[in-house]
């Protein structure tokens, strides 16, 4: 069978949907994790030392403890969302495999 000049193999494959949603989720989760780290560090500094720049946190120990907890919570949420978005970015659309059957690269 002869192939004609107008044959294009790319037409036979389906176009994959774009991954912009997963990329935006990954970027947002990195920002969330960074904010969590910064809040946790500020809370720890307020609990541990007497720094002049953190006068409000030095006077209010419960506020510093709340900042540490909120920072750790934001860090945990950011890491979870980042891992899910990375899996979504790496997963191919051909096979519908369960996530626990895939190789772990992260």
PDB file of N, CA and C in Angstrom:
ATOM      1  N   UNK A   1       0.839  -1.166   0.000  1.00  0.00           N
ATOM      2  CA  UNK A   1       0.000   0.000   0.000  1.00  0.00           C
ATOM      3  C   UNK A   1       0.891   1.238   0.000  1.00  0.00           C
ATOM      4  N   UNK A   2       0.608   2.127  -0.883  1.00  0.00           N
ATOM      5  CA  UNK A   2       1.401   3.349  -0.977  1.00  0.00           C
ATOM      6  C   UNK A   2       0.812   4.431  -0.077  1.00  0.00           C
ATOM      7  N   UNK A   3       1.705   5.204   0.508  1.00  0.00           N
ATOM      8  CA  UNK A   3       1.272   6.340   1.311  1.00  0.00           C
ATOM      9  C   UNK A   3       1.229   7.574   0.441  1.00  0.00           C
ATOM     10  N   UNK A   4       0.198   8.337   0.628  1.00  0.00           N
ATOM     11  CA  UNK A   4       0.092   9.572  -0.137  1.00  0.00           C
ATOM     12  C   UNK A   4       0.812  10.685   0.608  1.00  0.00           C
ATOM     13  N   UNK A   5       1.134  11.729  -0.081  1.00  0.00           N
ATOM     14  CA  UNK A   5       1.853  12.849   0.502  1.00  0.00           C
ATOM     15  C   UNK A   5       1.056  13.612   1.543  1.00  0.00           C
ATOM     16  N   UNK A   6      -0.251  13.465   1.557  1.00  0.00           N
ATOM     17  CA  UNK A   6      -1.082  14.220   2.485  1.00  0.00           C
ATOM     18  C   UNK A   6      -1.327  13.462   3.787  1.00  0.00           C
ATOM     19  N   UNK A   7      -0.725  12.298   3.957  1.00  0.00           N
ATOM     20  CA  UNK A   7      -0.938  11.511   5.167  1.00  0.00           C
ATOM     21  C   UNK A   7      -0.154  12.125   6.326  1.00  0.00           C
ATOM     22  N   UNK A   8      -0.830  12.286   7.451  1.00  0.00           N
ATOM     23  CA  UNK A   8      -0.191  12.843   8.636  1.00  0.00           C
ATOM     24  C   UNK A   8      -0.522  11.943   9.816  1.00  0.00           C
ATOM     25  N   UNK A   9       0.505  11.322  10.419  1.00  0.00           N
ATOM     26  CA  UNK A   9       0.283  10.384  11.523  1.00  0.00           C
ATOM     27  C   UNK A   9      -0.208  11.084  12.781  1.00  0.00           C
ATOM     28  N   UNK A  10       0.074  12.377  12.918  1.00  0.00           N
ATOM     29  CA  UNK A  10      -0.356  13.105  14.111  1.00  0.00           C
ATOM     30  C   UNK A  10      -1.874  13.219  14.195  1.00  0.00           C
ATOM     31  N   UNK A  11      -2.537  13.127  13.065  1.00  0.00           N
ATOM     32  CA  UNK A  11      -3.997  13.214  13.080  1.00  0.00           C
ATOM     33  C   UNK A  11      -4.623  11.986  13.725  1.00  0.00           C
ATOM     34  N   UNK A  12      -3.906  10.870  13.739  1.00  0.00           N
ATOM     35  CA  UNK A  12      -4.458   9.639  14.290  1.00  0.00           C
ATOM     36  C   UNK A  12      -4.464   9.637  15.815  1.00  0.00           C
ATOM     37  N   UNK A  13      -3.569  10.372  16.417  1.00  0.00           N
ATOM     38  CA  UNK A  13      -3.487  10.422  17.870  1.00  0.00           C
ATOM     39  C   UNK A  13      -4.384  11.525  18.408  1.00  0.00           C
ATOM     40  N   UNK A  14      -4.950  11.242  19.561  1.00  0.00           N
ATOM     41  CA  UNK A  14      -5.776  12.259  20.189  1.00  0.00           C
ATOM     42  C   UNK A  14      -4.884  13.306  20.823  1.00  0.00           C
ATOM     43  N   UNK A  15      -5.352  14.530  20.818  1.00  0.00           N
ATOM     44  CA  UNK A  15      -4.606  15.600  21.478  1.00  0.00           C
ATOM     45  C   UNK A  15      -4.789  15.476  22.977  1.00  0.00           C
ATOM     46  N   UNK A  16      -3.674  15.577  23.688  1.00  0.00           N
ATOM     47  CA  UNK A  16      -3.751  15.511  25.135  1.00  0.00           C
ATOM     48  C   UNK A  16      -4.205  16.849  25.680  1.00  0.00           C
ATOM     49  N   UNK A  17      -5.028  16.825  26.711  1.00  0.00           N
ATOM     50  CA  UNK A  17      -5.442  18.097  27.309  1.00  0.00           C
ATOM     51  C   UNK A  17      -4.259  18.783  27.972  1.00  0.00           C
ATOM     52  N   UNK A  18      -4.308  20.095  28.034  1.00  0.00           N
ATOM     53  CA  UNK A  18      -3.197  20.829  28.628  1.00  0.00           C
ATOM     54  C   UNK A  18      -3.202  20.657  30.144  1.00  0.00           C
ATOM     55  N   UNK A  19      -2.046  20.786  30.732  1.00  0.00           N
ATOM     56  CA  UNK A  19      -1.876  20.571  32.169  1.00  0.00           C
ATOM     57  C   UNK A  19      -1.739  21.878  32.932  1.00  0.00           C
ATOM     58  N   UNK A  20      -2.365  22.939  32.454  1.00  0.00           N
ATOM     59  CA  UNK A  20      -2.198  24.229  33.114  1.00  0.00           C
ATOM     60  C   UNK A  20      -2.761  24.222  34.522  1.00  0.00           C
ATOM     61  N   UNK A  21      -3.824  23.513  34.732  1.00  0.00           N
ATOM     62  CA  UNK A  21      -4.401  23.446  36.076  1.00  0.00           C
ATOM     63  C   UNK A  21      -3.441  22.812  37.069  1.00  0.00           C
ATOM     64  N   UNK A  22      -2.794  21.733  36.672  1.00  0.00           N
ATOM     65  CA  UNK A  22      -1.835  21.068  37.557  1.00  0.00           C
ATOM     66  C   UNK A  22      -0.601  21.942  37.774  1.00  0.00           C
ATOM     67  N   UNK A  23      -0.185  22.672  36.753  1.00  0.00           N
ATOM     68  CA  UNK A  23       0.975  23.557  36.912  1.00  0.00           C
ATOM     69  C   UNK A  23       0.670  24.710  37.852  1.00  0.00           C
ATOM     70  N   UNK A  24      -0.518  25.282  37.729  1.00  0.00           N
ATOM     71  CA  UNK A  24      -0.910  26.379  38.618  1.00  0.00           C
ATOM     72  C   UNK A  24      -1.053  25.857  40.047  1.00  0.00           C
ATOM     73  N   UNK A  25      -1.603  24.654  40.202  1.00  0.00           N
ATOM     74  CA  UNK A  25      -1.737  24.068  41.536  1.00  0.00           C
ATOM     75  C   UNK A  25      -0.366  23.804  42.153  1.00  0.00           C
ATOM     76  N   UNK A  26       0.595  23.347  41.344  1.00  0.00           N
ATOM     77  CA  UNK A  26       1.945  23.111  41.860  1.00  0.00           C
ATOM     78  C   UNK A  26       2.603  24.417  42.292  1.00  0.00           C
ATOM     79  N   UNK A  27       2.445  25.469  41.498  1.00  0.00           N
ATOM     80  CA  UNK A  27       3.035  26.762  41.857  1.00  0.00           C
ATOM     81  C   UNK A  27       2.375  27.326  43.120  1.00  0.00           C
ATOM     82  N   UNK A  28       1.060  27.213  43.227  1.00  0.00           N
ATOM     83  CA  UNK A  28       0.356  27.699  44.412  1.00  0.00           C
ATOM     84  C   UNK A  28       0.759  26.920  45.653  1.00  0.00           C
ATOM     85  N   UNK A  29       0.944  25.611  45.500  1.00  0.00           N
ATOM     86  CA  UNK A  29       1.311  24.798  46.658  1.00  0.00           C
ATOM     87  C   UNK A  29       2.726  25.107  47.129  1.00  0.00           C
ATOM     88  N   UNK A  30       3.631  25.441  46.204  1.00  0.00           N
ATOM     89  CA  UNK A  30       4.984  25.834  46.610  1.00  0.00           C
ATOM     90  C   UNK A  30       4.934  27.145  47.393  1.00  0.00           C
ATOM     91  N   UNK A  31       4.124  28.082  46.943  1.00  0.00           N
ATOM     92  CA  UNK A  31       3.976  29.338  47.678  1.00  0.00           C
ATOM     93  C   UNK A  31       3.360  29.105  49.060  1.00  0.00           C
ATOM     94  N   UNK A  32       2.396  28.201  49.129  1.00  0.00           N
ATOM     95  CA  UNK A  32       1.757  27.879  50.394  1.00  0.00           C
ATOM     96  C   UNK A  32       2.745  27.244  51.364  1.00  0.00           C
ATOM     97  N   UNK A  33       3.563  26.327  50.869  1.00  0.00           N
ATOM     98  CA  UNK A  33       4.567  25.685  51.721  1.00  0.00           C
ATOM     99  C   UNK A  33       5.617  26.695  52.185  1.00  0.00           C
ATOM    100  N   UNK A  34       6.010  27.615  51.313  1.00  0.00           N
ATOM    101  CA  UNK A  34       6.978  28.640  51.687  1.00  0.00           C
ATOM    102  C   UNK A  34       6.413  29.553  52.771  1.00  0.00           C
ATOM    103  N   UNK A  35       5.160  29.941  52.634  1.00  0.00           N
ATOM    104  CA  UNK A  35       4.508  30.758  53.650  1.00  0.00           C
ATOM    105  C   UNK A  35       4.423  30.003  54.971  1.00  0.00           C
ATOM    106  N   UNK A  36       4.157  28.720  54.904  1.00  0.00           N
ATOM    107  CA  UNK A  36       4.107  27.905  56.115  1.00  0.00           C
ATOM    108  C   UNK A  36       5.449  27.848  56.819  1.00  0.00           C
ATOM    109  N   UNK A  37       6.527  27.697  56.059  1.00  0.00           N
ATOM    110  CA  UNK A  37       7.868  27.670  56.649  1.00  0.00           C
ATOM    111  C   UNK A  37       8.184  29.004  57.315  1.00  0.00           C
ATOM    112  N   UNK A  38       7.858  30.100  56.631  1.00  0.00           N
ATOM    113  CA  UNK A  38       8.143  31.423  57.193  1.00  0.00           C
ATOM    114  C   UNK A  38       7.339  31.683  58.464  1.00  0.00           C
ATOM    115  N   UNK A  39       6.069  31.306  58.470  1.00  0.00           N
ATOM    116  CA  UNK A  39       5.251  31.492  59.674  1.00  0.00           C
ATOM    117  C   UNK A  39       5.759  30.640  60.828  1.00  0.00           C
ATOM    118  N   UNK A  40       6.141  29.412  60.551  1.00  0.00           N
ATOM    119  CA  UNK A  40       6.650  28.539  61.603  1.00  0.00           C
ATOM    120  C   UNK A  40       7.965  29.077  62.166  1.00  0.00           C
ATOM    121  N   UNK A  41       8.812  29.596  61.283  1.00  0.00           N
ATOM    122  CA  UNK A  41      10.078  30.161  61.759  1.00  0.00           C
ATOM    123  C   UNK A  41       9.845  31.404  62.612  1.00  0.00           C
ATOM    124  N   UNK A  42       8.903  32.247  62.226  1.00  0.00           N
ATOM    125  CA  UNK A  42       8.605  33.444  63.016  1.00  0.00           C
ATOM    126  C   UNK A  42       8.027  33.057  64.367  1.00  0.00           C
ATOM    127  N   UNK A  43       7.160  32.058  64.391  1.00  0.00           N
ATOM    128  CA  UNK A  43       6.596  31.599  65.665  1.00  0.00           C
ATOM    129  C   UNK A  43       7.647  31.001  66.578  1.00  0.00           C
ATOM    130  N   UNK A  44       8.557  30.214  66.014  1.00  0.00           N
ATOM    131  CA  UNK A  44       9.640  29.638  66.819  1.00  0.00           C
ATOM    132  C   UNK A  44      10.556  30.728  67.357  1.00  0.00           C
ATOM    133  N   UNK A  45      10.849  31.717  66.546  1.00  0.00           N
ATOM    134  CA  UNK A  45      11.686  32.824  67.012  1.00  0.00           C
ATOM    135  C   UNK A  45      10.997  33.585  68.129  1.00  0.00           C
ATOM    136  N   UNK A  46       9.695  33.735  68.067  1.00  0.00           N
ATOM    137  CA  UNK A  46       8.951  34.399  69.130  1.00  0.00           C
ATOM    138  C   UNK A  46       8.927  33.584  70.408  1.00  0.00           C
ATOM    139  N   UNK A  47       8.910  32.242  70.278  1.00  0.00           N
ATOM    140  CA  UNK A  47       8.896  31.393  71.472  1.00  0.00           C
ATOM    141  C   UNK A  47      10.275  31.269  72.119  1.00  0.00           C
ATOM    142  N   UNK A  48      11.314  31.266  71.306  1.00  0.00           N
ATOM    143  CA  UNK A  48      12.647  30.974  71.822  1.00  0.00           C
ATOM    144  C   UNK A  48      13.430  32.185  72.319  1.00  0.00           C
ATOM    145  N   UNK A  49      13.317  33.309  71.637  1.00  0.00           N
ATOM    146  CA  UNK A  49      14.223  34.393  71.975  1.00  0.00           C
ATOM    147  C   UNK A  49      13.537  35.709  72.208  1.00  0.00           C
ATOM    148  N   UNK A  50      14.335  36.655  72.639  1.00  0.00           N
ATOM    149  CA  UNK A  50      13.866  38.019  72.853  1.00  0.00           C
ATOM    150  C   UNK A  50      14.454  38.900  71.765  1.00  0.00           C
ATOM    151  N   UNK A  51      13.841  38.911  70.623  1.00  0.00           N
ATOM    152  CA  UNK A  51      14.304  39.720  69.502  1.00  0.00           C
ATOM    153  C   UNK A  51      13.500  41.015  69.461  1.00  0.00           C
ATOM    154  N   UNK A  52      14.188  42.098  69.250  1.00  0.00           N
ATOM    155  CA  UNK A  52      13.518  43.403  69.263  1.00  0.00           C
ATOM    156  C   UNK A  52      12.516  43.538  68.119  1.00  0.00           C
ATOM    157  N   UNK A  53      12.785  42.903  67.007  1.00  0.00           N
ATOM    158  CA  UNK A  53      11.895  43.009  65.851  1.00  0.00           C
ATOM    159  C   UNK A  53      10.580  42.267  66.079  1.00  0.00           C
ATOM    160  N   UNK A  54      10.584  41.313  66.984  1.00  0.00           N
ATOM    161  CA  UNK A  54       9.385  40.510  67.249  1.00  0.00           C
ATOM    162  C   UNK A  54       8.801  40.851  68.613  1.00  0.00           C
ATOM    163  N   UNK A  55       8.663  42.120  68.918  1.00  0.00           N
ATOM    164  CA  UNK A  55       8.212  42.542  70.244  1.00  0.00           C
ATOM    165  C   UNK A  55       6.809  42.027  70.559  1.00  0.00           C
ATOM    166  N   UNK A  56       5.921  42.031  69.580  1.00  0.00           N
ATOM    167  CA  UNK A  56       4.550  41.563  69.811  1.00  0.00           C
ATOM    168  C   UNK A  56       4.517  40.065  70.104  1.00  0.00           C
ATOM    169  N   UNK A  57       5.343  39.284  69.394  1.00  0.00           N
ATOM    170  CA  UNK A  57       5.371  37.841  69.625  1.00  0.00           C
ATOM    171  C   UNK A  57       6.058  37.494  70.941  1.00  0.00           C
ATOM    172  N   UNK A  58       7.038  38.295  71.353  1.00  0.00           N
ATOM    173  CA  UNK A  58       7.705  38.028  72.625  1.00  0.00           C
ATOM    174  C   UNK A  58       6.760  38.238  73.796  1.00  0.00           C
ATOM    175  N   UNK A  59       5.880  39.214  73.683  1.00  0.00           N
ATOM    176  CA  UNK A  59       4.945  39.507  74.767  1.00  0.00           C
ATOM    177  C   UNK A  59       3.778  38.537  74.783  1.00  0.00           C
ATOM    178  N   UNK A  60       3.440  37.952  73.649  1.00  0.00           N
ATOM    179  CA  UNK A  60       2.255  37.111  73.539  1.00  0.00           C
ATOM    180  C   UNK A  60       2.672  35.696  73.133  1.00  0.00           C
ATOM    181  N   UNK A  61       2.945  34.843  74.113  1.00  0.00           N
ATOM    182  CA  UNK A  61       3.381  33.464  73.840  1.00  0.00           C
ATOM    183  C   UNK A  61       2.309  32.623  73.131  1.00  0.00           C
ATOM    184  N   UNK A  62       1.034  32.722  73.503  1.00  0.00           N
ATOM    185  CA  UNK A  62       0.030  31.926  72.770  1.00  0.00           C
ATOM    186  C   UNK A  62      -0.048  32.292  71.286  1.00  0.00           C
ATOM    187  N   UNK A  63       0.155  33.563  70.958  1.00  0.00           N
ATOM    188  CA  UNK A  63       0.154  33.964  69.548  1.00  0.00           C
ATOM    189  C   UNK A  63       1.317  33.333  68.793  1.00  0.00           C
ATOM    190  N   UNK A  64       2.475  33.277  69.439  1.00  0.00           N
ATOM    191  CA  UNK A  64       3.636  32.643  68.810  1.00  0.00           C
ATOM    192  C   UNK A  64       3.393  31.146  68.605  1.00  0.00           C
ATOM    193  N   UNK A  65       2.766  30.488  69.574  1.00  0.00           N
ATOM    194  CA  UNK A  65       2.464  29.061  69.439  1.00  0.00           C
ATOM    195  C   UNK A  65       1.447  28.825  68.325  1.00  0.00           C
ATOM    196  N   UNK A  66       0.466  29.706  68.214  1.00  0.00           N
ATOM    197  CA  UNK A  66      -0.524  29.588  67.142  1.00  0.00           C
ATOM    198  C   UNK A  66       0.142  29.778  65.784  1.00  0.00           C
ATOM    199  N   UNK A  67       1.081  30.722  65.712  1.00  0.00           N
ATOM    200  CA  UNK A  67       1.808  30.916  64.448  1.00  0.00           C
ATOM    201  C   UNK A  67       2.599  29.680  64.057  1.00  0.00           C
ATOM    202  N   UNK A  68       3.214  29.025  65.033  1.00  0.00           N
ATOM    203  CA  UNK A  68       3.962  27.793  64.736  1.00  0.00           C
ATOM    204  C   UNK A  68       3.005  26.726  64.205  1.00  0.00           C
ATOM    205  N   UNK A  69       1.872  26.550  64.855  1.00  0.00           N
ATOM    206  CA  UNK A  69       0.915  25.516  64.420  1.00  0.00           C
ATOM    207  C   UNK A  69       0.330  25.820  63.048  1.00  0.00           C
ATOM    208  N   UNK A  70      -0.027  27.075  62.814  1.00  0.00           N
ATOM    209  CA  UNK A  70      -0.580  27.447  61.507  1.00  0.00           C
ATOM    210  C   UNK A  70       0.478  27.287  60.421  1.00  0.00           C
ATOM    211  N   UNK A  71       1.713  27.652  60.734  1.00  0.00           N
ATOM    212  CA  UNK A  71       2.798  27.493  59.762  1.00  0.00           C
ATOM    213  C   UNK A  71       3.035  26.034  59.407  1.00  0.00           C
ATOM    214  N   UNK A  72       3.040  25.163  60.407  1.00  0.00           N
ATOM    215  CA  UNK A  72       3.222  23.735  60.133  1.00  0.00           C
ATOM    216  C   UNK A  72       2.044  23.152  59.359  1.00  0.00           C
ATOM    217  N   UNK A  73       0.837  23.620  59.655  1.00  0.00           N
ATOM    218  CA  UNK A  73      -0.338  23.161  58.914  1.00  0.00           C
ATOM    219  C   UNK A  73      -0.264  23.598  57.447  1.00  0.00           C
ATOM    220  N   UNK A  74       0.114  24.855  57.216  1.00  0.00           N
ATOM    221  CA  UNK A  74       0.252  25.324  55.830  1.00  0.00           C
ATOM    222  C   UNK A  74       1.352  24.576  55.087  1.00  0.00           C
ATOM    223  N   UNK A  75       2.441  24.275  55.778  1.00  0.00           N
ATOM    224  CA  UNK A  75       3.517  23.494  55.156  1.00  0.00           C
ATOM    225  C   UNK A  75       3.028  22.111  54.774  1.00  0.00           C
ATOM    226  N   UNK A  76       2.288  21.464  55.661  1.00  0.00           N
ATOM    227  CA  UNK A  76       1.779  20.121  55.383  1.00  0.00           C
ATOM    228  C   UNK A  76       0.808  20.142  54.202  1.00  0.00           C
ATOM    229  N   UNK A  77      -0.107  21.112  54.189  1.00  0.00           N
ATOM    230  CA  UNK A  77      -1.077  21.217  53.089  1.00  0.00           C
ATOM    231  C   UNK A  77      -0.358  21.500  51.777  1.00  0.00           C
ATOM    232  N   UNK A  78       0.633  22.389  51.802  1.00  0.00           N
ATOM    233  CA  UNK A  78       1.376  22.715  50.592  1.00  0.00           C
ATOM    234  C   UNK A  78       2.108  21.516  50.017  1.00  0.00           C
ATOM    235  N   UNK A  79       2.722  20.719  50.877  1.00  0.00           N
ATOM    236  CA  UNK A  79       3.443  19.529  50.404  1.00  0.00           C
ATOM    237  C   UNK A  79       2.473  18.506  49.831  1.00  0.00           C
ATOM    238  N   UNK A  80       1.326  18.323  50.473  1.00  0.00           N
ATOM    239  CA  UNK A  80       0.337  17.358  49.962  1.00  0.00           C
ATOM    240  C   UNK A  80      -0.192  17.766  48.588  1.00  0.00           C
ATOM    241  N   UNK A  81      -0.533  19.045  48.440  1.00  0.00           N
ATOM    242  CA  UNK A  81      -1.055  19.519  47.149  1.00  0.00           C
ATOM    243  C   UNK A  81       0.034  19.438  46.084  1.00  0.00           C
ATOM    244  N   UNK A  82       1.280  19.758  46.442  1.00  0.00           N
ATOM    245  CA  UNK A  82       2.374  19.693  45.485  1.00  0.00           C
ATOM    246  C   UNK A  82       2.590  18.264  44.996  1.00  0.00           C
ATOM    247  N   UNK A  83       2.546  17.297  45.901  1.00  0.00           N
ATOM    248  CA  UNK A  83       2.735  15.898  45.499  1.00  0.00           C
ATOM    249  C   UNK A  83       1.611  15.417  44.581  1.00  0.00           C
ATOM    250  N   UNK A  84       0.376  15.811  44.884  1.00  0.00           N
ATOM    251  CA  UNK A  84      -0.749  15.410  44.022  1.00  0.00           C
ATOM    252  C   UNK A  84      -0.649  16.036  42.635  1.00  0.00           C
ATOM    253  N   UNK A  85      -0.245  17.296  42.590  1.00  0.00           N
ATOM    254  CA  UNK A  85      -0.134  17.949  41.283  1.00  0.00           C
ATOM    255  C   UNK A  85       1.030  17.378  40.484  1.00  0.00           C
ATOM    256  N   UNK A  86       2.128  16.992  41.147  1.00  0.00           N
ATOM    257  CA  UNK A  86       3.244  16.360  40.437  1.00  0.00           C
ATOM    258  C   UNK A  86       2.837  15.007  39.861  1.00  0.00           C
ATOM    259  N   UNK A  87       2.048  14.260  40.602  1.00  0.00           N
ATOM    260  CA  UNK A  87       1.566  12.974  40.092  1.00  0.00           C
ATOM    261  C   UNK A  87       0.668  13.205  38.888  1.00  0.00           C
ATOM    262  N   UNK A  88      -0.186  14.216  38.959  1.00  0.00           N
ATOM    263  CA  UNK A  88      -1.082  14.522  37.846  1.00  0.00           C
ATOM    264  C   UNK A  88      -0.304  14.983  36.615  1.00  0.00           C
ATOM    265  N   UNK A  89       0.795  15.708  36.820  1.00  0.00           N
ATOM    266  CA  UNK A  89       1.608  16.155  35.689  1.00  0.00           C
ATOM    267  C   UNK A  89       2.354  14.996  35.035  1.00  0.00           C
ATOM    268  N   UNK A  90       2.803  14.043  35.827  1.00  0.00           N
ATOM    269  CA  UNK A  90       3.602  12.937  35.287  1.00  0.00           C
ATOM    270  C   UNK A  90       2.780  11.811  34.708  1.00  0.00           C
ATOM    271  N   UNK A  91       1.559  11.678  35.154  1.00  0.00           N
ATOM    272  CA  UNK A  91       0.741  10.556  34.718  1.00  0.00           C
ATOM    273  C   UNK A  91       0.351  10.707  33.256  1.00  0.00           C
ATOM    274  N   UNK A  92       0.498   9.644  32.522  1.00  0.00           N
ATOM    275  CA  UNK A  92       0.075   9.642  31.132  1.00  0.00           C
ATOM    276  C   UNK A  92      -1.416   9.445  31.013  1.00  0.00           C
ATOM    277  N   UNK A  93      -1.968   9.824  29.894  1.00  0.00           N
ATOM    278  CA  UNK A  93      -3.415   9.703  29.698  1.00  0.00           C
ATOM    279  C   UNK A  93      -3.800   8.376  29.051  1.00  0.00           C
ATOM    280  N   UNK A  94      -2.820   7.561  28.682  1.00  0.00           N
ATOM    281  CA  UNK A  94      -3.138   6.337  27.954  1.00  0.00           C
ATOM    282  C   UNK A  94      -3.756   5.281  28.858  1.00  0.00           C
ATOM    283  N   UNK A  95      -3.085   4.970  29.967  1.00  0.00           N
ATOM    284  CA  UNK A  95      -3.556   3.920  30.850  1.00  0.00           C
ATOM    285  C   UNK A  95      -4.099   4.544  32.122  1.00  0.00           C
ATOM    286  N   UNK A  96      -5.098   3.923  32.650  1.00  0.00           N
ATOM    287  CA  UNK A  96      -5.724   4.427  33.850  1.00  0.00           C
ATOM    288  C   UNK A  96      -5.309   3.537  35.016  1.00  0.00           C
ATOM    289  N   UNK A  97      -4.074   3.732  35.497  1.00  0.00           N
ATOM    290  CA  UNK A  97      -3.559   2.904  36.571  1.00  0.00           C
ATOM    291  C   UNK A  97      -3.827   3.547  37.919  1.00  0.00           C
ATOM    292  N   UNK A  98      -3.956   2.717  38.880  1.00  0.00           N
ATOM    293  CA  UNK A  98      -4.118   3.171  40.245  1.00  0.00           C
ATOM    294  C   UNK A  98      -2.795   3.783  40.733  1.00  0.00           C
ATOM    295  N   UNK A  99      -2.812   4.870  41.524  1.00  0.00           N
ATOM    296  CA  UNK A  99      -1.568   5.523  41.934  1.00  0.00           C
ATOM    297  C   UNK A  99      -0.621   4.633  42.725  1.00  0.00           C
ATOM    298  N   UNK A 100      -1.133   3.653  43.472  1.00  0.00           N
ATOM    299  CA  UNK A 100      -0.226   2.814  44.253  1.00  0.00           C
ATOM    300  C   UNK A 100       0.498   1.779  43.392  1.00  0.00           C
ATOM    301  N   UNK A 101       0.074   1.599  42.129  1.00  0.00           N
ATOM    302  CA  UNK A 101       0.758   0.673  41.236  1.00  0.00           C
ATOM    303  C   UNK A 101       1.865   1.342  40.437  1.00  0.00           C
ATOM    304  N   UNK A 102       1.898   2.671  40.439  1.00  0.00           N
ATOM    305  CA  UNK A 102       2.917   3.402  39.683  1.00  0.00           C
ATOM    306  C   UNK A 102       4.231   3.400  40.466  1.00  0.00           C
ATOM    307  N   UNK A 103       5.348   3.588  39.756  1.00  0.00           N
ATOM    308  CA  UNK A 103       6.631   3.708  40.430  1.00  0.00           C
ATOM    309  C   UNK A 103       6.679   5.029  41.171  1.00  0.00           C
ATOM    310  N   UNK A 104       7.341   5.018  42.286  1.00  0.00           N
ATOM    311  CA  UNK A 104       7.435   6.238  43.087  1.00  0.00           C
ATOM    312  C   UNK A 104       8.713   6.970  42.717  1.00  0.00           C
ATOM    313  N   UNK A 105       8.564   8.148  42.087  1.00  0.00           N
ATOM    314  CA  UNK A 105       9.714   8.965  41.705  1.00  0.00           C
ATOM    315  C   UNK A 105       9.883  10.163  42.605  1.00  0.00           C
ATOM    316  N   UNK A 106       8.857  10.552  43.343  1.00  0.00           N
ATOM    317  CA  UNK A 106       8.933  11.749  44.201  1.00  0.00           C
ATOM    318  C   UNK A 106       9.389  11.378  45.588  1.00  0.00           C
TER     319      UNK A 106
END
